[in-house]
Amino acid sequence: MAIYVKVKSLTYIILSLHKLMAGQISLTFYTLLQNLRTL
């Protein structure tokens, strides 16, 4: 049972990190698009 909980929390952490990174990438991409538009 303890192993299951560990795996579940690990999966949660990885998913959270993935969401955070995806958010950062899309934000950077959006900023880049805005900069290109102003040129």
C-alpha atoms as a PDB file:
ATOM      1  CA  MET A   1       0.000   0.000   0.000  1.00  0.00           C
ATOM      2  CA  ALA A   2       2.855   2.386   0.846  1.00  0.00           C
ATOM      3  CA  ILE A   3       4.434   1.808  -2.570  1.00  0.00           C
ATOM      4  CA  TYR A   4       1.137   2.648  -4.283  1.00  0.00           C
ATOM      5  CA  VAL A   5       0.908   5.950  -2.423  1.00  0.00           C
ATOM      6  CA  LYS A   6       4.507   6.793  -3.330  1.00  0.00           C
ATOM      7  CA  VAL A   7       3.876   6.104  -7.016  1.00  0.00           C
ATOM      8  CA  LYS A   8       0.693   8.167  -6.916  1.00  0.00           C
ATOM      9  CA  SER A   9       2.433  11.174  -5.356  1.00  0.00           C
ATOM     10  CA  LEU A  10       5.348  10.844  -7.793  1.00  0.00           C
ATOM     11  CA  THR A  11       2.944  10.813 -10.735  1.00  0.00           C
ATOM     12  CA  TYR A  12       1.209  13.880  -9.322  1.00  0.00           C
ATOM     13  CA  ILE A  13       4.509  15.751  -8.968  1.00  0.00           C
ATOM     14  CA  ILE A  14       5.567  14.847 -12.522  1.00  0.00           C
ATOM     15  CA  LEU A  15       2.200  15.945 -13.927  1.00  0.00           C
ATOM     16  CA  SER A  16       2.398  19.235 -12.029  1.00  0.00           C
ATOM     17  CA  LEU A  17       5.915  19.886 -13.346  1.00  0.00           C
ATOM     18  CA  HIS A  18       4.801  19.023 -16.869  1.00  0.00           C
ATOM     19  CA  LYS A  19       1.875  21.456 -16.650  1.00  0.00           C
ATOM     20  CA  LEU A  20       4.161  24.159 -15.297  1.00  0.00           C
ATOM     21  CA  MET A  21       6.703  23.648 -18.084  1.00  0.00           C
ATOM     22  CA  ALA A  22       4.000  23.601 -20.755  1.00  0.00           C
ATOM     23  CA  GLY A  23       2.641  26.853 -19.341  1.00  0.00           C
ATOM     24  CA  GLN A  24       6.064  28.460 -19.413  1.00  0.00           C
ATOM     25  CA  ILE A  25       6.672  27.349 -23.007  1.00  0.00           C
ATOM     26  CA  SER A  26       3.317  28.630 -24.268  1.00  0.00           C
ATOM     27  CA  LEU A  27       3.856  31.915 -22.428  1.00  0.00           C
ATOM     28  CA  THR A  28       7.290  32.334 -24.008  1.00  0.00           C
ATOM     29  CA  PHE A  29       5.875  31.467 -27.423  1.00  0.00           C
ATOM     30  CA  TYR A  30       3.075  34.008 -26.994  1.00  0.00           C
ATOM     31  CA  THR A  31       5.548  36.727 -25.991  1.00  0.00           C
ATOM     32  CA  LEU A  32       7.693  35.852 -29.007  1.00  0.00           C
ATOM     33  CA  LEU A  33       4.676  36.169 -31.313  1.00  0.00           C
ATOM     34  CA  GLN A  34       3.809  39.551 -29.817  1.00  0.00           C
ATOM     35  CA  ASN A  35       7.387  40.742 -30.349  1.00  0.00           C
ATOM     36  CA  LEU A  36       7.373  39.562 -33.967  1.00  0.00           C
ATOM     37  CA  ARG A  37       4.103  41.377 -34.597  1.00  0.00           C
ATOM     38  CA  THR A  38       5.517  44.696 -33.357  1.00  0.00           C
ATOM     39  CA  LEU A  39       8.549  44.477 -35.665  1.00  0.00           C
END
